[in-house]
Amino acid sequence: MMGGVLRPLAAALTTLPAGPPHEHRTAGFSFEVHYVLGNMVPWREPAWALLHERSAYLVQRCAQATGTGGVPDAVHQAHQRAAAITAAMGAHVPADLRPSPGGAALAAGARD
């Protein structure tokens, strides 16, 4: 499911300009690993909570990007697909592991 989000998004992002210091160059692979690889959560409920948190962050960042000009349609599509996947994942996250609405926004802002 996430391949339908990340694959087209990655392809579109690599066609965008890298920025003024890198004239005539395009952006490279732009995804970030937030945790040390191998950080596996062996319990189902915390694993769903972690997956949900990461996908919600992707939705938030796509929403921010769609508000700027010149954004490829793939970003809009990724936002819609990721939002649907995140909503479906949310059903698997126990209520006591869900972030509070204000806490989720604060945590996401701390990562920016």
N, C-alpha and C. Protein backbone atom coordinates (compact mmCIF):
# COMPACT_ATOMS: atom_id res chain seq x y z
N MET A 1 0.81 -1.19 0.00
CA MET A 1 0.00 0.00 0.00
C MET A 1 0.86 1.26 0.00
N MET A 2 1.86 1.33 0.85
CA MET A 2 2.68 2.53 0.91
C MET A 2 3.53 2.69 -0.33
N GLY A 3 3.78 1.60 -1.07
CA GLY A 3 4.50 1.72 -2.33
C GLY A 3 3.75 2.62 -3.30
N GLY A 4 2.43 2.61 -3.23
CA GLY A 4 1.62 3.49 -4.06
C GLY A 4 1.70 4.94 -3.64
N VAL A 5 2.25 5.19 -2.47
CA VAL A 5 2.46 6.56 -1.99
C VAL A 5 3.91 6.97 -2.25
N LEU A 6 4.84 6.18 -1.74
CA LEU A 6 6.25 6.58 -1.77
C LEU A 6 6.89 6.52 -3.15
N ARG A 7 6.58 5.49 -3.93
CA ARG A 7 7.22 5.35 -5.24
C ARG A 7 6.92 6.55 -6.14
N PRO A 8 5.63 6.91 -6.36
CA PRO A 8 5.38 8.08 -7.21
C PRO A 8 5.86 9.39 -6.59
N LEU A 9 5.79 9.47 -5.28
CA LEU A 9 6.26 10.68 -4.60
C LEU A 9 7.77 10.85 -4.78
N ALA A 10 8.52 9.79 -4.59
CA ALA A 10 9.97 9.85 -4.75
C ALA A 10 10.35 10.21 -6.18
N ALA A 11 9.67 9.61 -7.15
CA ALA A 11 9.96 9.91 -8.56
C ALA A 11 9.69 11.38 -8.87
N ALA A 12 8.60 11.92 -8.35
CA ALA A 12 8.26 13.32 -8.61
C ALA A 12 9.23 14.27 -7.91
N LEU A 13 9.59 13.97 -6.67
CA LEU A 13 10.47 14.87 -5.92
C LEU A 13 11.86 14.97 -6.54
N THR A 14 12.33 13.91 -7.16
CA THR A 14 13.67 13.95 -7.75
C THR A 14 13.71 14.75 -9.05
N THR A 15 12.57 15.23 -9.54
CA THR A 15 12.55 16.08 -10.74
C THR A 15 12.56 17.56 -10.37
N LEU A 16 12.39 17.88 -9.10
CA LEU A 16 12.33 19.27 -8.66
C LEU A 16 13.73 19.86 -8.51
N PRO A 17 13.85 21.18 -8.67
CA PRO A 17 15.16 21.82 -8.47
C PRO A 17 15.65 21.64 -7.04
N ALA A 18 16.95 21.47 -6.90
CA ALA A 18 17.54 21.28 -5.57
C ALA A 18 17.59 22.58 -4.79
N GLY A 19 17.59 23.72 -5.46
CA GLY A 19 17.61 25.01 -4.79
C GLY A 19 18.69 25.91 -5.34
N PRO A 20 18.67 27.19 -4.94
CA PRO A 20 19.59 28.18 -5.50
C PRO A 20 21.08 27.82 -5.40
N PRO A 21 21.55 27.24 -4.32
CA PRO A 21 22.98 26.94 -4.28
C PRO A 21 23.38 25.82 -5.25
N HIS A 22 22.41 25.12 -5.82
CA HIS A 22 22.70 23.98 -6.69
C HIS A 22 22.04 24.20 -8.05
N GLU A 23 22.42 25.27 -8.72
CA GLU A 23 21.84 25.65 -10.00
C GLU A 23 21.87 24.50 -11.00
N HIS A 24 20.77 24.27 -11.67
CA HIS A 24 20.61 23.26 -12.73
C HIS A 24 20.73 21.82 -12.22
N ARG A 25 20.54 21.61 -10.94
CA ARG A 25 20.55 20.26 -10.38
C ARG A 25 19.18 19.96 -9.80
N THR A 26 18.83 18.69 -9.82
CA THR A 26 17.54 18.30 -9.25
C THR A 26 17.75 17.71 -7.87
N ALA A 27 16.66 17.64 -7.15
CA ALA A 27 16.70 17.09 -5.79
C ALA A 27 17.01 15.61 -5.85
N GLY A 28 17.58 15.09 -4.80
CA GLY A 28 17.87 13.66 -4.71
C GLY A 28 16.83 12.97 -3.86
N PHE A 29 17.12 11.76 -3.50
CA PHE A 29 16.26 10.98 -2.63
C PHE A 29 16.08 11.77 -1.34
N SER A 30 14.84 11.99 -0.96
CA SER A 30 14.60 12.96 0.11
C SER A 30 13.85 12.40 1.31
N PHE A 31 13.93 11.12 1.55
CA PHE A 31 13.24 10.56 2.69
C PHE A 31 14.22 10.38 3.83
N GLU A 32 13.73 10.54 5.02
CA GLU A 32 14.56 10.55 6.22
C GLU A 32 14.21 9.36 7.10
N VAL A 33 15.22 8.75 7.68
CA VAL A 33 15.00 7.68 8.65
C VAL A 33 15.02 8.34 10.03
N HIS A 34 13.90 8.23 10.73
CA HIS A 34 13.80 8.89 12.03
C HIS A 34 14.33 8.05 13.18
N TYR A 35 14.43 6.77 12.96
CA TYR A 35 14.87 5.87 14.02
C TYR A 35 16.03 5.03 13.51
N VAL A 36 16.82 4.52 14.44
CA VAL A 36 17.89 3.62 14.08
C VAL A 36 17.27 2.39 13.42
N LEU A 37 17.82 1.99 12.28
CA LEU A 37 17.29 0.81 11.61
C LEU A 37 17.40 -0.39 12.55
N GLY A 38 16.42 -1.23 12.50
CA GLY A 38 16.41 -2.39 13.37
C GLY A 38 15.63 -2.14 14.65
N ASN A 39 15.05 -0.94 14.76
CA ASN A 39 14.23 -0.62 15.93
C ASN A 39 12.88 -1.29 15.75
N MET A 40 12.84 -2.57 15.99
CA MET A 40 11.61 -3.33 15.81
C MET A 40 10.84 -3.39 17.12
N VAL A 41 9.57 -3.15 17.02
CA VAL A 41 8.71 -3.21 18.19
C VAL A 41 8.01 -4.57 18.15
N PRO A 42 8.30 -5.46 19.09
CA PRO A 42 7.76 -6.81 19.01
C PRO A 42 6.29 -6.93 19.41
N TRP A 43 5.72 -5.89 19.99
CA TRP A 43 4.33 -5.97 20.43
C TRP A 43 3.44 -5.31 19.39
N ARG A 44 2.34 -5.94 19.09
CA ARG A 44 1.47 -5.49 18.01
C ARG A 44 0.94 -4.06 18.21
N GLU A 45 0.41 -3.75 19.37
CA GLU A 45 -0.21 -2.45 19.58
C GLU A 45 0.79 -1.29 19.46
N PRO A 46 1.96 -1.37 20.12
CA PRO A 46 2.93 -0.29 19.93
C PRO A 46 3.45 -0.20 18.49
N ALA A 47 3.53 -1.34 17.81
CA ALA A 47 3.96 -1.32 16.41
C ALA A 47 2.96 -0.55 15.55
N TRP A 48 1.66 -0.80 15.76
CA TRP A 48 0.64 -0.06 15.02
C TRP A 48 0.73 1.43 15.36
N ALA A 49 0.95 1.75 16.63
CA ALA A 49 1.05 3.15 17.04
C ALA A 49 2.23 3.83 16.34
N LEU A 50 3.36 3.14 16.25
CA LEU A 50 4.55 3.70 15.60
C LEU A 50 4.30 3.88 14.10
N LEU A 51 3.74 2.89 13.44
CA LEU A 51 3.43 3.01 12.01
C LEU A 51 2.44 4.16 11.76
N HIS A 52 1.45 4.25 12.62
CA HIS A 52 0.45 5.31 12.48
C HIS A 52 1.10 6.68 12.65
N GLU A 53 1.97 6.81 13.63
CA GLU A 53 2.66 8.08 13.87
C GLU A 53 3.48 8.50 12.66
N ARG A 54 4.23 7.57 12.10
CA ARG A 54 5.08 7.88 10.94
C ARG A 54 4.25 8.23 9.72
N SER A 55 3.17 7.52 9.49
CA SER A 55 2.35 7.82 8.32
C SER A 55 1.59 9.13 8.52
N ALA A 56 1.18 9.44 9.74
CA ALA A 56 0.53 10.72 10.02
C ALA A 56 1.48 11.88 9.77
N TYR A 57 2.75 11.68 10.07
CA TYR A 57 3.76 12.70 9.81
C TYR A 57 3.92 12.92 8.31
N LEU A 58 3.89 11.84 7.53
CA LEU A 58 3.97 11.95 6.07
C LEU A 58 2.76 12.73 5.55
N VAL A 59 1.59 12.44 6.07
CA VAL A 59 0.37 13.15 5.66
C VAL A 59 0.51 14.64 5.96
N GLN A 60 1.02 14.95 7.14
CA GLN A 60 1.19 16.35 7.54
C GLN A 60 2.16 17.07 6.59
N ARG A 61 3.27 16.43 6.29
CA ARG A 61 4.27 17.07 5.41
C ARG A 61 3.75 17.22 3.99
N CYS A 62 3.01 16.25 3.49
CA CYS A 62 2.41 16.36 2.16
C CYS A 62 1.40 17.51 2.14
N ALA A 63 0.61 17.64 3.21
CA ALA A 63 -0.37 18.73 3.29
C ALA A 63 0.34 20.08 3.27
N GLN A 64 1.45 20.19 3.96
CA GLN A 64 2.21 21.44 3.95
C GLN A 64 2.75 21.73 2.56
N ALA A 65 3.23 20.71 1.88
CA ALA A 65 3.81 20.88 0.55
C ALA A 65 2.75 21.27 -0.48
N THR A 66 1.55 20.73 -0.34
CA THR A 66 0.52 21.04 -1.32
C THR A 66 0.09 22.50 -1.24
N GLY A 67 0.43 23.17 -0.16
CA GLY A 67 0.09 24.58 -0.02
C GLY A 67 1.06 25.51 -0.72
N THR A 68 2.12 24.98 -1.28
CA THR A 68 3.10 25.82 -1.97
C THR A 68 2.90 25.68 -3.48
N GLY A 69 3.36 26.65 -4.21
CA GLY A 69 3.21 26.64 -5.66
C GLY A 69 4.19 25.71 -6.36
N GLY A 70 3.80 25.23 -7.52
CA GLY A 70 4.68 24.42 -8.34
C GLY A 70 4.88 23.00 -7.85
N VAL A 71 4.01 22.52 -7.00
CA VAL A 71 4.14 21.17 -6.46
C VAL A 71 3.57 20.17 -7.47
N PRO A 72 4.31 19.11 -7.77
CA PRO A 72 3.81 18.12 -8.72
C PRO A 72 2.52 17.46 -8.23
N ASP A 73 1.71 17.02 -9.17
CA ASP A 73 0.45 16.36 -8.83
C ASP A 73 0.69 15.12 -7.97
N ALA A 74 1.85 14.49 -8.12
CA ALA A 74 2.16 13.29 -7.34
C ALA A 74 2.13 13.58 -5.84
N VAL A 75 2.46 14.80 -5.44
CA VAL A 75 2.42 15.16 -4.01
C VAL A 75 0.97 15.20 -3.54
N HIS A 76 0.10 15.77 -4.34
CA HIS A 76 -1.33 15.80 -3.99
C HIS A 76 -1.88 14.37 -3.89
N GLN A 77 -1.51 13.54 -4.85
CA GLN A 77 -1.97 12.15 -4.84
C GLN A 77 -1.41 11.39 -3.64
N ALA A 78 -0.14 11.63 -3.33
CA ALA A 78 0.48 10.98 -2.16
C ALA A 78 -0.24 11.40 -0.88
N HIS A 79 -0.60 12.67 -0.80
CA HIS A 79 -1.30 13.15 0.38
C HIS A 79 -2.63 12.41 0.55
N GLN A 80 -3.39 12.29 -0.52
CA GLN A 80 -4.69 11.61 -0.45
C GLN A 80 -4.52 10.13 -0.10
N ARG A 81 -3.58 9.45 -0.76
CA ARG A 81 -3.38 8.02 -0.50
C ARG A 81 -2.87 7.77 0.91
N ALA A 82 -1.88 8.58 1.33
CA ALA A 82 -1.33 8.41 2.68
C ALA A 82 -2.37 8.71 3.74
N ALA A 83 -3.23 9.69 3.51
CA ALA A 83 -4.28 10.01 4.48
C ALA A 83 -5.25 8.84 4.61
N ALA A 84 -5.58 8.19 3.51
CA ALA A 84 -6.48 7.04 3.56
C ALA A 84 -5.83 5.87 4.31
N ILE A 85 -4.56 5.62 4.04
CA ILE A 85 -3.85 4.54 4.71
C ILE A 85 -3.73 4.83 6.21
N THR A 86 -3.42 6.07 6.55
CA THR A 86 -3.27 6.46 7.95
C THR A 86 -4.59 6.31 8.70
N ALA A 87 -5.67 6.69 8.06
CA ALA A 87 -6.99 6.54 8.69
C ALA A 87 -7.30 5.06 8.94
N ALA A 88 -6.97 4.21 7.98
CA ALA A 88 -7.20 2.77 8.14
C ALA A 88 -6.32 2.20 9.26
N MET A 89 -5.08 2.67 9.34
CA MET A 89 -4.18 2.20 10.40
C MET A 89 -4.66 2.61 11.78
N GLY A 90 -5.27 3.79 11.86
CA GLY A 90 -5.73 4.31 13.13
C GLY A 90 -6.70 3.38 13.85
N ALA A 91 -7.42 2.58 13.09
CA ALA A 91 -8.36 1.63 13.70
C ALA A 91 -7.65 0.56 14.50
N HIS A 92 -6.37 0.34 14.24
CA HIS A 92 -5.60 -0.70 14.92
C HIS A 92 -4.83 -0.18 16.13
N VAL A 93 -4.81 1.13 16.31
CA VAL A 93 -4.07 1.73 17.42
C VAL A 93 -5.00 1.85 18.63
N PRO A 94 -4.64 1.20 19.74
CA PRO A 94 -5.47 1.31 20.94
C PRO A 94 -5.59 2.76 21.40
N ALA A 95 -6.73 3.10 21.95
CA ALA A 95 -7.01 4.48 22.37
C ALA A 95 -5.94 5.02 23.32
N ASP A 96 -5.43 4.18 24.21
CA ASP A 96 -4.43 4.67 25.18
C ASP A 96 -3.06 4.93 24.55
N LEU A 97 -2.85 4.49 23.30
CA LEU A 97 -1.58 4.75 22.61
C LEU A 97 -1.69 5.85 21.57
N ARG A 98 -2.87 6.39 21.38
CA ARG A 98 -3.06 7.47 20.42
C ARG A 98 -2.60 8.78 21.05
N PRO A 99 -1.92 9.62 20.26
CA PRO A 99 -1.51 10.91 20.81
C PRO A 99 -2.72 11.82 20.99
N SER A 100 -2.60 12.73 21.93
CA SER A 100 -3.66 13.72 22.07
C SER A 100 -3.59 14.65 20.86
N PRO A 101 -4.69 15.25 20.44
CA PRO A 101 -4.67 16.10 19.25
C PRO A 101 -3.63 17.22 19.34
N GLY A 102 -3.53 17.89 20.45
CA GLY A 102 -2.52 18.94 20.60
C GLY A 102 -1.11 18.39 20.70
N GLY A 103 -0.97 17.23 21.34
CA GLY A 103 0.35 16.62 21.50
C GLY A 103 0.94 16.16 20.19
N ALA A 104 0.12 15.67 19.27
CA ALA A 104 0.61 15.22 17.97
C ALA A 104 1.15 16.39 17.17
N ALA A 105 0.47 17.51 17.21
CA ALA A 105 0.93 18.69 16.48
C ALA A 105 2.23 19.21 17.08
N LEU A 106 2.32 19.21 18.41
CA LEU A 106 3.55 19.67 19.05
C LEU A 106 4.71 18.77 18.74
N ALA A 107 4.49 17.44 18.76
CA ALA A 107 5.56 16.50 18.47
C ALA A 107 6.04 16.65 17.04
N ALA A 108 5.12 16.81 16.10
CA ALA A 108 5.49 16.96 14.69
C ALA A 108 6.27 18.27 14.49
N GLY A 109 5.84 19.33 15.16
CA GLY A 109 6.55 20.60 15.05
C GLY A 109 7.95 20.55 15.63
N ALA A 110 8.15 19.72 16.64
CA ALA A 110 9.48 19.59 17.24
C ALA A 110 10.46 18.94 16.28
N ARG A 111 9.94 18.13 15.35
CA ARG A 111 10.82 17.45 14.40
C ARG A 111 11.22 18.32 13.23
N ASP A 112 10.49 19.40 12.97
CA ASP A 112 10.76 20.25 11.80
C ASP A 112 12.04 21.01 11.95
